[in-house]
C-alpha atoms as a PDB file:
ATOM      1  CA  MET A   1    -150.551 -73.307  12.024  1.00  0.00           C
ATOM      2  CA  THR A   2    -149.512 -71.065   8.392  1.00  0.00           C
ATOM      3  CA  ALA A   3    -146.481 -69.877   9.249  1.00  0.00           C
ATOM      4  CA  VAL A   4    -144.107 -72.707   7.911  1.00  0.00           C
ATOM      5  CA  ALA A   5    -140.011 -72.477   7.971  1.00  0.00           C
ATOM      6  CA  LEU A   6    -137.975 -74.553   5.847  1.00  0.00           C
ATOM      7  CA  ALA A   7    -134.574 -74.734   7.402  1.00  0.00           C
ATOM      8  CA  VAL A   8    -131.881 -75.129   4.714  1.00  0.00           C
ATOM      9  CA  THR A   9    -128.645 -74.882   4.438  1.00  0.00           C
ATOM     10  CA  ASP A  10    -125.585 -76.186   2.277  1.00  0.00           C
ATOM     11  CA  GLY A  11    -125.914 -80.164   1.497  1.00  0.00           C
ATOM     12  CA  MET A  12    -129.628 -80.259   1.072  1.00  0.00           C
ATOM     13  CA  LEU A  13    -131.417 -82.017  -1.177  1.00  0.00           C
ATOM     14  CA  HIS A  14    -132.880 -80.441  -3.607  1.00  0.00           C
ATOM     15  CA  PHE A  15    -136.240 -81.989  -4.837  1.00  0.00           C
ATOM     16  CA  GLU A  16    -138.072 -81.947  -1.108  1.00  0.00           C
ATOM     17  CA  MET A  17    -136.792 -78.643  -0.941  1.00  0.00           C
ATOM     18  CA  ALA A  18    -138.376 -77.826  -3.981  1.00  0.00           C
ATOM     19  CA  LEU A  19    -141.548 -79.906  -2.855  1.00  0.00           C
ATOM     20  CA  ALA A  20    -141.794 -78.023  -0.256  1.00  0.00           C
ATOM     21  CA  LEU A  21    -141.963 -74.630  -1.658  1.00  0.00           C
ATOM     22  CA  GLU A  22    -144.351 -76.318  -4.404  1.00  0.00           C
ATOM     23  CA  VAL A  23    -147.044 -77.381  -1.758  1.00  0.00           C
ATOM     24  CA  PHE A  24    -146.685 -74.029   1.114  1.00  0.00           C
ATOM     25  CA  GLY A  25    -144.884 -71.530  -0.634  1.00  0.00           C
ATOM     26  CA  SER A  26    -147.579 -71.413  -3.906  1.00  0.00           C
ATOM     27  CA  ASP A  27    -150.650 -69.282  -3.439  1.00  0.00           C
ATOM     28  CA  LEU A  28    -153.262 -71.721  -3.043  1.00  0.00           C
ATOM     29  CA  ARG A  29    -156.004 -69.609  -1.000  1.00  0.00           C
ATOM     30  CA  HIS A  30    -157.950 -70.343  -4.023  1.00  0.00           C
ATOM     31  CA  ILE A  31    -157.952 -74.107  -2.100  1.00  0.00           C
ATOM     32  CA  ALA A  32    -157.889 -72.795   1.137  1.00  0.00           C
ATOM     33  CA  ASP A  33    -157.788 -69.509   2.896  1.00  0.00           C
ATOM     34  CA  PRO A  34    -155.339 -68.467   4.416  1.00  0.00           C
ATOM     35  CA  TRP A  35    -153.192 -70.481   3.074  1.00  0.00           C
ATOM     36  CA  TYR A  36    -149.306 -71.026   4.503  1.00  0.00           C
ATOM     37  CA  GLU A  37    -147.158 -67.892   5.093  1.00  0.00           C
ATOM     38  CA  LEU A  38    -143.193 -70.071   4.177  1.00  0.00           C
ATOM     39  CA  SER A  39    -140.442 -68.502   4.994  1.00  0.00           C
ATOM     40  CA  LEU A  40    -136.687 -69.753   3.589  1.00  0.00           C
ATOM     41  CA  CYS A  41    -134.736 -69.545   6.808  1.00  0.00           C
ATOM     42  CA  GLY A  42    -130.768 -70.573   6.663  1.00  0.00           C
ATOM     43  CA  PRO A  43    -127.428 -68.863   6.251  1.00  0.00           C
ATOM     44  CA  GLU A  44    -126.692 -65.938   3.669  1.00  0.00           C
ATOM     45  CA  ALA A  45    -126.673 -68.368   0.635  1.00  0.00           C
ATOM     46  CA  VAL A  46    -127.393 -71.254   0.003  1.00  0.00           C
ATOM     47  CA  SER A  47    -125.966 -74.698  -2.442  1.00  0.00           C
ATOM     48  CA  ALA A  48    -128.212 -76.844  -3.288  1.00  0.00           C
ATOM     49  CA  GLY A  49    -127.026 -79.155  -5.948  1.00  0.00           C
ATOM     50  CA  ARG A  50    -126.552 -76.445  -8.793  1.00  0.00           C
ATOM     51  CA  PHE A  51    -129.203 -74.280  -6.888  1.00  0.00           C
ATOM     52  CA  ARG A  52    -128.215 -71.019  -5.665  1.00  0.00           C
ATOM     53  CA  LEU A  53    -131.357 -69.958  -2.672  1.00  0.00           C
ATOM     54  CA  GLU A  54    -131.011 -66.980  -0.909  1.00  0.00           C
ATOM     55  CA  PRO A  55    -133.234 -66.896   2.739  1.00  0.00           C
ATOM     56  CA  ASP A  56    -135.568 -64.938   3.335  1.00  0.00           C
ATOM     57  CA  ALA A  57    -134.354 -64.972   7.388  1.00  0.00           C
ATOM     58  CA  GLY A  58    -131.913 -66.988   9.548  1.00  0.00           C
ATOM     59  CA  LEU A  59    -132.038 -70.054  11.302  1.00  0.00           C
ATOM     60  CA  ASP A  60    -132.584 -69.137  14.586  1.00  0.00           C
ATOM     61  CA  SER A  61    -136.627 -67.616  12.953  1.00  0.00           C
ATOM     62  CA  LEU A  62    -137.122 -71.177  13.113  1.00  0.00           C
ATOM     63  CA  PRO A  63    -138.888 -71.341  16.514  1.00  0.00           C
ATOM     64  CA  ARG A  64    -141.412 -68.543  15.789  1.00  0.00           C
ATOM     65  CA  ALA A  65    -142.844 -71.104  12.759  1.00  0.00           C
ATOM     66  CA  HIS A  66    -146.210 -73.029  13.665  1.00  0.00           C
ATOM     67  CA  THR A  67    -144.393 -75.512  11.469  1.00  0.00           C
ATOM     68  CA  VAL A  68    -140.734 -76.300  10.439  1.00  0.00           C
ATOM     69  CA  ILE A  69    -139.566 -78.771   7.684  1.00  0.00           C
ATOM     70  CA  VAL A  70    -136.032 -79.956   7.440  1.00  0.00           C
ATOM     71  CA  PRO A  71    -135.751 -81.253   3.736  1.00  0.00           C
ATOM     72  CA  GLY A  72    -133.138 -84.374   3.156  1.00  0.00           C
ATOM     73  CA  TRP A  73    -129.550 -84.008   4.520  1.00  0.00           C
ATOM     74  CA  ALA A  74    -127.493 -84.972   1.307  1.00  0.00           C
ATOM     75  CA  ASP A  75    -124.241 -86.498   2.957  1.00  0.00           C
ATOM     76  CA  THR A  76    -126.070 -88.730   5.086  1.00  0.00           C
ATOM     77  CA  GLY A  77    -122.146 -89.567   6.906  1.00  0.00           C
ATOM     78  CA  ALA A  78    -121.697 -86.327   7.416  1.00  0.00           C
ATOM     79  CA  ALA A  79    -123.145 -84.505  10.468  1.00  0.00           C
ATOM     80  CA  PRO A  80    -125.700 -81.905  10.215  1.00  0.00           C
ATOM     81  CA  PRO A  81    -124.542 -78.155  11.038  1.00  0.00           C
ATOM     82  CA  ALA A  82    -124.616 -77.731  14.258  1.00  0.00           C
ATOM     83  CA  GLN A  83    -126.620 -74.429  13.966  1.00  0.00           C
ATOM     84  CA  LEU A  84    -129.442 -76.339  11.803  1.00  0.00           C
ATOM     85  CA  VAL A  85    -129.565 -79.451  14.710  1.00  0.00           C
ATOM     86  CA  ASP A  86    -129.875 -76.300  17.898  1.00  0.00           C
ATOM     87  CA  ALA A  87    -132.053 -74.279  15.553  1.00  0.00           C
ATOM     88  CA  VAL A  88    -134.319 -77.369  15.048  1.00  0.00           C
ATOM     89  CA  ARG A  89    -134.214 -78.681  18.694  1.00  0.00           C
ATOM     90  CA  ALA A  90    -135.145 -75.041  20.073  1.00  0.00           C
ATOM     91  CA  ALA A  91    -138.239 -74.736  17.373  1.00  0.00           C
ATOM     92  CA  HIS A  92    -139.287 -78.255  19.072  1.00  0.00           C
ATOM     93  CA  LEU A  93    -139.143 -76.652  22.637  1.00  0.00           C
ATOM     94  CA  ALA A  94    -140.817 -73.815  21.228  1.00  0.00           C
ATOM     95  CA  GLY A  95    -143.505 -76.255  20.317  1.00  0.00           C
ATOM     96  CA  ALA A  96    -142.872 -75.486  16.571  1.00  0.00           C
ATOM     97  CA  ARG A  97    -144.440 -78.832  14.750  1.00  0.00           C
ATOM     98  CA  ILE A  98    -141.442 -80.645  13.852  1.00  0.00           C
ATOM     99  CA  VAL A  99    -141.437 -82.449   9.555  1.00  0.00           C
ATOM    100  CA  SER A 100    -138.238 -83.878   8.366  1.00  0.00           C
ATOM    101  CA  LEU A 101    -138.999 -84.887   4.138  1.00  0.00           C
ATOM    102  CA  CYS A 102    -136.515 -88.100   3.197  1.00  0.00           C
ATOM    103  CA  THR A 103    -133.129 -88.328   4.878  1.00  0.00           C
ATOM    104  CA  GLY A 104    -133.829 -85.165   7.072  1.00  0.00           C
ATOM    105  CA  ALA A 105    -134.643 -87.395   9.901  1.00  0.00           C
ATOM    106  CA  TYR A 106    -130.734 -87.591  10.282  1.00  0.00           C
ATOM    107  CA  VAL A 107    -130.871 -83.659  11.430  1.00  0.00           C
ATOM    108  CA  LEU A 108    -134.083 -84.524  13.523  1.00  0.00           C
ATOM    109  CA  ALA A 109    -132.312 -87.425  14.992  1.00  0.00           C
ATOM    110  CA  ALA A 110    -129.203 -85.406  15.664  1.00  0.00           C
ATOM    111  CA  ALA A 111    -131.098 -82.782  17.803  1.00  0.00           C
ATOM    112  CA  GLY A 112    -132.695 -85.464  19.683  1.00  0.00           C
ATOM    113  CA  VAL A 113    -136.023 -84.432  18.357  1.00  0.00           C
ATOM    114  CA  LEU A 114    -136.844 -88.283  17.842  1.00  0.00           C
ATOM    115  CA  ASP A 115    -135.617 -90.243  21.308  1.00  0.00           C
ATOM    116  CA  GLY A 116    -138.446 -92.550  22.260  1.00  0.00           C
ATOM    117  CA  LEU A 117    -140.245 -92.186  18.869  1.00  0.00           C
ATOM    118  CA  ARG A 118    -141.122 -94.410  16.356  1.00  0.00           C
ATOM    119  CA  ALA A 119    -139.464 -92.241  12.613  1.00  0.00           C
ATOM    120  CA  THR A 120    -138.817 -93.627   8.999  1.00  0.00           C
ATOM    121  CA  THR A 121    -136.582 -92.132   6.442  1.00  0.00           C
ATOM    122  CA  HIS A 122    -135.717 -93.176   3.066  1.00  0.00           C
ATOM    123  CA  TRP A 123    -135.294 -97.257   2.461  1.00  0.00           C
ATOM    124  CA  ALA A 124    -131.803 -97.244   1.816  1.00  0.00           C
ATOM    125  CA  HIS A 125    -130.583 -95.464   4.823  1.00  0.00           C
ATOM    126  CA  ALA A 126    -133.363 -96.787   7.346  1.00  0.00           C
ATOM    127  CA  ALA A 127    -130.650 -99.058   8.969  1.00  0.00           C
ATOM    128  CA  ASP A 128    -127.966 -97.237   9.190  1.00  0.00           C
ATOM    129  CA  LEU A 129    -129.872 -94.256  11.163  1.00  0.00           C
ATOM    130  CA  ALA A 130    -131.330 -97.095  13.055  1.00  0.00           C
ATOM    131  CA  ALA A 131    -128.050 -97.979  13.661  1.00  0.00           C
ATOM    132  CA  ARG A 132    -126.049 -94.004  15.027  1.00  0.00           C
ATOM    133  CA  HIS A 133    -129.338 -93.292  17.091  1.00  0.00           C
ATOM    134  CA  PRO A 134    -130.631 -96.286  18.371  1.00  0.00           C
ATOM    135  CA  GLN A 135    -132.555 -94.713  20.554  1.00  0.00           C
ATOM    136  CA  VAL A 136    -134.900 -94.023  17.814  1.00  0.00           C
ATOM    137  CA  THR A 137    -137.282 -96.603  16.277  1.00  0.00           C
ATOM    138  CA  VAL A 138    -136.662 -96.515  12.371  1.00  0.00           C
ATOM    139  CA  ASP A 139    -140.046 -98.134  10.463  1.00  0.00           C
ATOM    140  CA  PRO A 140    -138.390 -98.745   6.807  1.00  0.00           C
ATOM    141  CA  ASP A 141    -141.928 -99.843   5.758  1.00  0.00           C
ATOM    142  CA  VAL A 142    -144.231 -97.187   5.739  1.00  0.00           C
ATOM    143  CA  LEU A 143    -144.473 -93.858   3.939  1.00  0.00           C
ATOM    144  CA  PHE A 144    -144.264 -91.756   6.679  1.00  0.00           C
ATOM    145  CA  VAL A 145    -144.911 -91.951  10.556  1.00  0.00           C
ATOM    146  CA  ASP A 146    -146.983 -88.721  12.349  1.00  0.00           C
ATOM    147  CA  ASN A 147    -146.200 -88.616  15.962  1.00  0.00           C
ATOM    148  CA  GLY A 148    -148.193 -85.620  16.817  1.00  0.00           C
ATOM    149  CA  SER A 149    -145.775 -82.525  16.880  1.00  0.00           C
ATOM    150  CA  VAL A 150    -143.374 -84.327  14.989  1.00  0.00           C
ATOM    151  CA  LEU A 151    -143.256 -85.923  11.590  1.00  0.00           C
ATOM    152  CA  THR A 152    -140.737 -87.943   8.983  1.00  0.00           C
ATOM    153  CA  SER A 153    -141.315 -89.201   5.470  1.00  0.00           C
ATOM    154  CA  ALA A 154    -139.490 -91.592   3.468  1.00  0.00           C
ATOM    155  CA  GLY A 155    -137.722 -91.181   0.578  1.00  0.00           C
ATOM    156  CA  LYS A 156    -138.839 -88.687  -2.494  1.00  0.00           C
ATOM    157  CA  ALA A 157    -142.927 -89.119  -3.588  1.00  0.00           C
ATOM    158  CA  ALA A 158    -143.385 -90.022   0.041  1.00  0.00           C
ATOM    159  CA  ALA A 159    -141.795 -86.548   0.696  1.00  0.00           C
ATOM    160  CA  MET A 160    -145.403 -85.460  -0.808  1.00  0.00           C
ATOM    161  CA  ASP A 161    -147.379 -87.986   0.554  1.00  0.00           C
ATOM    162  CA  LEU A 162    -146.659 -86.134   3.938  1.00  0.00           C
ATOM    163  CA  CYS A 163    -146.797 -82.790   2.649  1.00  0.00           C
ATOM    164  CA  LEU A 164    -150.604 -83.508   1.294  1.00  0.00           C
ATOM    165  CA  HIS A 165    -151.313 -85.149   5.184  1.00  0.00           C
ATOM    166  CA  LEU A 166    -149.966 -82.345   6.211  1.00  0.00           C
ATOM    167  CA  VAL A 167    -152.254 -80.212   4.327  1.00  0.00           C
ATOM    168  CA  ARG A 168    -155.300 -82.518   5.452  1.00  0.00           C
ATOM    169  CA  LEU A 169    -154.329 -82.011   8.963  1.00  0.00           C
ATOM    170  CA  ASP A 170    -154.807 -78.042   8.750  1.00  0.00           C
ATOM    171  CA  HIS A 171    -157.866 -77.535   6.125  1.00  0.00           C
ATOM    172  CA  GLY A 172    -159.258 -80.926   5.851  1.00  0.00           C
ATOM    173  CA  ALA A 173    -159.325 -83.827   2.915  1.00  0.00           C
ATOM    174  CA  ALA A 174    -161.230 -81.518   0.571  1.00  0.00           C
ATOM    175  CA  ALA A 175    -158.592 -79.148   0.628  1.00  0.00           C
ATOM    176  CA  ALA A 176    -155.459 -82.354  -0.049  1.00  0.00           C
ATOM    177  CA  ASN A 177    -157.655 -83.901  -2.313  1.00  0.00           C
ATOM    178  CA  ALA A 178    -157.731 -80.665  -4.643  1.00  0.00           C
ATOM    179  CA  LEU A 179    -154.060 -79.513  -4.435  1.00  0.00           C
ATOM    180  CA  ALA A 180    -153.080 -83.250  -5.492  1.00  0.00           C
ATOM    181  CA  ARG A 181    -155.083 -83.159  -8.123  1.00  0.00           C
ATOM    182  CA  ARG A 182    -153.601 -79.915  -9.069  1.00  0.00           C
ATOM    183  CA  LEU A 183    -150.103 -81.622  -8.577  1.00  0.00           C
ATOM    184  CA  VAL A 184    -151.140 -84.124 -10.788  1.00  0.00           C
ATOM    185  CA  VAL A 185    -150.189 -87.048  -7.606  1.00  0.00           C
ATOM    186  CA  PRO A 186    -152.859 -89.657  -6.388  1.00  0.00           C
ATOM    187  CA  PRO A 187    -154.348 -88.636  -2.977  1.00  0.00           C
ATOM    188  CA  GLN A 188    -154.614 -92.594  -2.307  1.00  0.00           C
ATOM    189  CA  ARG A 189    -150.968 -92.518  -0.693  1.00  0.00           C
ATOM    190  CA  GLU A 190    -152.600 -90.443   2.481  1.00  0.00           C
ATOM    191  CA  GLY A 191    -151.659 -91.417   6.029  1.00  0.00           C
ATOM    192  CA  GLY A 192    -154.068 -90.897   8.993  1.00  0.00           C
ATOM    193  CA  GLN A 193    -153.205 -89.472  12.412  1.00  0.00           C
ATOM    194  CA  ALA A 194    -153.554 -92.777  13.934  1.00  0.00           C
ATOM    195  CA  GLN A 195    -150.527 -93.689  11.500  1.00  0.00           C
ATOM    196  CA  PHE A 196    -152.398 -96.014   8.825  1.00  0.00           C
ATOM    197  CA  VAL A 197    -150.246 -95.604   5.693  1.00  0.00           C
ATOM    198  CA  THR A 198    -151.503 -97.307   2.650  1.00  0.00           C
ATOM    199  CA  THR A 199    -149.371 -97.077  -0.892  1.00  0.00           C
ATOM    200  CA  PRO A 200    -150.656 -95.612  -4.133  1.00  0.00           C
ATOM    201  CA  LEU A 201    -153.371 -98.013  -5.917  1.00  0.00           C
ATOM    202  CA  PRO A 202    -151.919 -99.988  -8.861  1.00  0.00           C
ATOM    203  CA  GLU A 203    -152.256 -99.180 -12.632  1.00  0.00           C
ATOM    204  CA  PRO A 204    -155.405-100.740 -13.629  1.00  0.00           C
ATOM    205  CA  GLY A 205    -154.241-104.410 -15.693  1.00  0.00           C
ATOM    206  CA  SER A 206    -150.624-103.956 -13.586  1.00  0.00           C
ATOM    207  CA  HIS A 207    -151.837-106.162 -10.499  1.00  0.00           C
ATOM    208  CA  PRO A 208    -153.886-108.647 -10.007  1.00  0.00           C
ATOM    209  CA  LEU A 209    -155.735-106.358  -7.533  1.00  0.00           C
ATOM    210  CA  ALA A 210    -155.815-103.469  -9.690  1.00  0.00           C
ATOM    211  CA  ALA A 211    -159.600-103.698 -10.670  1.00  0.00           C
ATOM    212  CA  LEU A 212    -160.963-104.660  -7.319  1.00  0.00           C
ATOM    213  CA  PHE A 213    -159.953-101.580  -5.336  1.00  0.00           C
ATOM    214  CA  PRO A 214    -162.216 -99.238  -7.629  1.00  0.00           C
ATOM    215  CA  TRP A 215    -164.996-102.187  -6.856  1.00  0.00           C
ATOM    216  CA  ALA A 216    -164.439-101.858  -3.514  1.00  0.00           C
ATOM    217  CA  LEU A 217    -164.238 -98.011  -3.460  1.00  0.00           C
ATOM    218  CA  GLN A 218    -167.935 -97.815  -5.101  1.00  0.00           C
ATOM    219  CA  ARG A 219    -169.538-100.304  -2.739  1.00  0.00           C
ATOM    220  CA  LEU A 220    -168.404 -99.054   0.919  1.00  0.00           C
ATOM    221  CA  ASP A 221    -171.943 -97.855   1.893  1.00  0.00           C
ATOM    222  CA  ARG A 222    -172.227-102.142   1.889  1.00  0.00           C
ATOM    223  CA  PRO A 223    -171.043-104.411   4.625  1.00  0.00           C
ATOM    224  CA  LEU A 224    -167.852-106.210   2.524  1.00  0.00           C
ATOM    225  CA  THR A 225    -165.848-109.246   3.920  1.00  0.00           C
ATOM    226  CA  VAL A 226    -162.347-110.459   3.003  1.00  0.00           C
ATOM    227  CA  GLU A 227    -164.544-113.060   1.535  1.00  0.00           C
ATOM    228  CA  ASP A 228    -166.768-110.713  -0.704  1.00  0.00           C
ATOM    229  CA  LEU A 229    -163.508-109.267  -1.892  1.00  0.00           C
ATOM    230  CA  ALA A 230    -161.572-112.550  -2.148  1.00  0.00           C
ATOM    231  CA  ARG A 231    -164.727-114.192  -4.117  1.00  0.00           C
ATOM    232  CA  ARG A 232    -164.711-110.296  -6.132  1.00  0.00           C
ATOM    233  CA  ALA A 233    -160.381-111.114  -7.130  1.00  0.00           C
ATOM    234  CA  ALA A 234    -161.110-114.651  -7.749  1.00  0.00           C
ATOM    235  CA  MET A 235    -158.785-115.993  -5.172  1.00  0.00           C
ATOM    236  CA  SER A 236    -158.896-117.648  -1.677  1.00  0.00           C
ATOM    237  CA  SER A 237    -158.871-115.502   1.325  1.00  0.00           C
ATOM    238  CA  ARG A 238    -155.182-116.722   1.706  1.00  0.00           C
ATOM    239  CA  GLN A 239    -153.994-115.061  -1.076  1.00  0.00           C
ATOM    240  CA  LEU A 240    -155.455-111.909  -1.249  1.00  0.00           C
ATOM    241  CA  THR A 241    -154.392-111.156   2.328  1.00  0.00           C
ATOM    242  CA  ARG A 242    -151.168-111.663   0.617  1.00  0.00           C
ATOM    243  CA  HIS A 243    -151.625-109.816  -2.448  1.00  0.00           C
ATOM    244  CA  PHE A 244    -153.103-107.360  -0.310  1.00  0.00           C
ATOM    245  CA  ARG A 245    -150.165-106.740   2.505  1.00  0.00           C
ATOM    246  CA  ALA A 246    -147.524-106.830  -0.936  1.00  0.00           C
ATOM    247  CA  VAL A 247    -149.386-103.807  -2.557  1.00  0.00           C
ATOM    248  CA  ALA A 248    -150.797-102.049   0.061  1.00  0.00           C
ATOM    249  CA  GLY A 249    -149.185-102.396   2.980  1.00  0.00           C
ATOM    250  CA  THR A 250    -152.160-103.649   5.193  1.00  0.00           C
ATOM    251  CA  THR A 251    -154.785-105.834   5.064  1.00  0.00           C
ATOM    252  CA  PRO A 252    -157.975-106.101   3.389  1.00  0.00           C
ATOM    253  CA  LEU A 253    -160.588-104.855   6.458  1.00  0.00           C
ATOM    254  CA  GLN A 254    -157.492-102.606   7.720  1.00  0.00           C
ATOM    255  CA  TRP A 255    -157.954-101.162   4.352  1.00  0.00           C
ATOM    256  CA  LEU A 256    -161.435-100.809   3.628  1.00  0.00           C
ATOM    257  CA  HIS A 257    -161.665 -99.127   7.309  1.00  0.00           C
ATOM    258  CA  ALA A 258    -159.239 -96.658   5.785  1.00  0.00           C
ATOM    259  CA  GLN A 259    -161.275 -96.005   2.887  1.00  0.00           C
ATOM    260  CA  ARG A 260    -164.448 -95.959   5.352  1.00  0.00           C
ATOM    261  CA  ILE A 261    -162.873 -93.317   7.674  1.00  0.00           C
ATOM    262  CA  ARG A 262    -162.119 -91.168   4.331  1.00  0.00           C
ATOM    263  CA  ARG A 263    -165.372 -91.267   2.883  1.00  0.00           C
ATOM    264  CA  ALA A 264    -166.854 -90.232   5.809  1.00  0.00           C
ATOM    265  CA  GLN A 265    -164.556 -86.882   6.168  1.00  0.00           C
ATOM    266  CA  ALA A 266    -165.141 -86.058   2.847  1.00  0.00           C
ATOM    267  CA  LEU A 267    -169.251 -85.996   3.579  1.00  0.00           C
ATOM    268  CA  LEU A 268    -168.351 -84.690   6.378  1.00  0.00           C
ATOM    269  CA  GLU A 269    -166.903 -81.555   5.221  1.00  0.00           C
ATOM    270  CA  THR A 270    -168.963 -81.084   1.413  1.00  0.00           C
ATOM    271  CA  THR A 271    -172.103 -82.237   2.013  1.00  0.00           C
ATOM    272  CA  ASP A 272    -175.027 -81.505   5.079  1.00  0.00           C
ATOM    273  CA  ASP A 273    -175.122 -85.294   5.400  1.00  0.00           C
ATOM    274  CA  THR A 274    -176.129 -85.931   8.970  1.00  0.00           C
ATOM    275  CA  VAL A 275    -174.205 -88.305  10.628  1.00  0.00           C
ATOM    276  CA  ASP A 276    -176.653 -91.034  10.771  1.00  0.00           C
ATOM    277  CA  VAL A 277    -176.732 -90.739   6.884  1.00  0.00           C
ATOM    278  CA  ILE A 278    -172.695 -90.740   6.574  1.00  0.00           C
ATOM    279  CA  ALA A 279    -172.628 -94.105   8.452  1.00  0.00           C
ATOM    280  CA  ALA A 280    -175.158 -95.830   6.165  1.00  0.00           C
ATOM    281  CA  ALA A 281    -173.417 -94.201   3.396  1.00  0.00           C
ATOM    282  CA  THR A 282    -170.108 -95.482   4.459  1.00  0.00           C
ATOM    283  CA  GLY A 283    -170.790 -98.669   5.665  1.00  0.00           C
ATOM    284  CA  MET A 284    -170.574 -98.181   9.669  1.00  0.00           C
ATOM    285  CA  GLY A 285    -174.140 -98.816   9.859  1.00  0.00           C
ATOM    286  CA  THR A 286    -174.974 -96.430  12.774  1.00  0.00           C
ATOM    287  CA  ALA A 287    -174.243 -92.727  14.147  1.00  0.00           C
ATOM    288  CA  THR A 288    -172.594 -94.671  17.405  1.00  0.00           C
ATOM    289  CA  THR A 289    -170.582 -97.254  15.079  1.00  0.00           C
ATOM    290  CA  LEU A 290    -169.259 -94.390  12.701  1.00  0.00           C
ATOM    291  CA  ARG A 291    -168.458 -92.039  15.782  1.00  0.00           C
ATOM    292  CA  ARG A 292    -166.577 -94.269  17.565  1.00  0.00           C
ATOM    293  CA  HIS A 293    -164.310 -95.427  14.951  1.00  0.00           C
ATOM    294  CA  PHE A 294    -164.030 -91.738  13.934  1.00  0.00           C
ATOM    295  CA  GLN A 295    -162.813 -91.018  17.198  1.00  0.00           C
ATOM    296  CA  ARG A 296    -160.713 -93.305  17.422  1.00  0.00           C
ATOM    297  CA  THR A 297    -158.996 -92.792  14.236  1.00  0.00           C
ATOM    298  CA  VAL A 298    -158.594 -89.199  13.131  1.00  0.00           C
ATOM    299  CA  GLY A 299    -158.332 -88.008  16.758  1.00  0.00           C
ATOM    300  CA  VAL A 300    -161.528 -85.842  17.047  1.00  0.00           C
ATOM    301  CA  PRO A 301    -165.476 -86.241  17.033  1.00  0.00           C
ATOM    302  CA  PRO A 302    -167.232 -86.065  13.687  1.00  0.00           C
ATOM    303  CA  ASP A 303    -169.340 -83.062  14.716  1.00  0.00           C
ATOM    304  CA  THR A 304    -166.104 -81.413  15.618  1.00  0.00           C
ATOM    305  CA  TYR A 305    -164.558 -82.712  12.775  1.00  0.00           C
ATOM    306  CA  ARG A 306    -167.277 -81.120  10.682  1.00  0.00           C
ATOM    307  CA  ARG A 307    -167.215 -77.602  12.489  1.00  0.00           C
ATOM    308  CA  THR A 308    -163.462 -77.718  11.983  1.00  0.00           C
ATOM    309  CA  PHE A 309    -163.214 -77.848   8.063  1.00  0.00           C
ATOM    310  CA  ARG A 310    -166.956 -76.724   7.002  1.00  0.00           C
ATOM    311  CA  LEU A 311    -166.649 -73.134   8.173  1.00  0.00           C
ATOM    312  CA  ARG A 312    -163.389 -73.118   5.976  1.00  0.00           C
ATOM    313  CA  ARG A 313    -165.166 -73.560   2.892  1.00  0.00           C
ATOM    314  CA  PRO A 314    -167.142 -70.526   1.156  1.00  0.00           C
ATOM    315  CA  GLY A 315    -170.584 -70.573   1.715  1.00  0.00           C
ATOM    316  CA  LEU A 316    -170.965 -73.692   3.448  1.00  0.00           C
ATOM    317  CA  THR A 317    -172.362 -73.582   6.904  1.00  0.00           C
ATOM    318  CA  ALA A 318    -171.255 -76.676   9.739  1.00  0.00           C
ATOM    319  CA  SER A 319    -174.573 -79.128   9.872  1.00  0.00           C
ATOM    320  CA  PRO A 320    -174.845 -81.133  13.387  1.00  0.00           C
END
């Protein structure tokens, strides 16, 4: 999935455009090799706010890309250019992975790419998108939605979350975390292939649960319960669940499950530990339990995941 096409036309939001350029257009082969090959595809010249862009190729090049990214669309009250809509539709039919950042979802909806699917966009535009495209199930409460070949993000910072998610899918958790460190952004906001999405961990002292998150992350090898977390946070289980939904967008047990899976991904990529050892280190108990939950959440067994991503890291060999 190395060939990435950034669809650019007049009226795009420059923030999302620049964000995609930074992630997919930089030379980051020290993180993963090969990295991405990014092309700007659009008319002869494009205006994005005060910026002028000279595309590398026309919009008719979109179907030849592995991934097509549509940045935010500034004037959501106006119909996107027909040429752009047709090119996105053609790329989708050709089998490209189609990604929208923020209000770029309007372009995907106009192209029919989101018909029958769940999608998201900036919360301020979610109701309007849903009203104008009733065939799309618009979820305003998540950071991004991954439908496999079609992905959409909410606004601004959530666009970075989705870009990091794409890097995780293509190059593994270690590469996504390395990129997050380089960009000085939190890696915790990533969602999984099964659509679990979390909000960032709060800054220390900024919320009643701020100290609980790192405490729990240091004890993922233990069979933590909601009661254990509530006791540590000095509140009732009901209060804990309410705070968890407000801060993390999910329940305590769902959050713990997501962190265990992420820890398992990192250990599969960066260690020679057996699946049994990783199951114990992540609180899954047995290899059978880890394999079942990992397959359900990530979409592939742990052994397949390790073979896929370990072999991309120089100096490491795959382990069963």
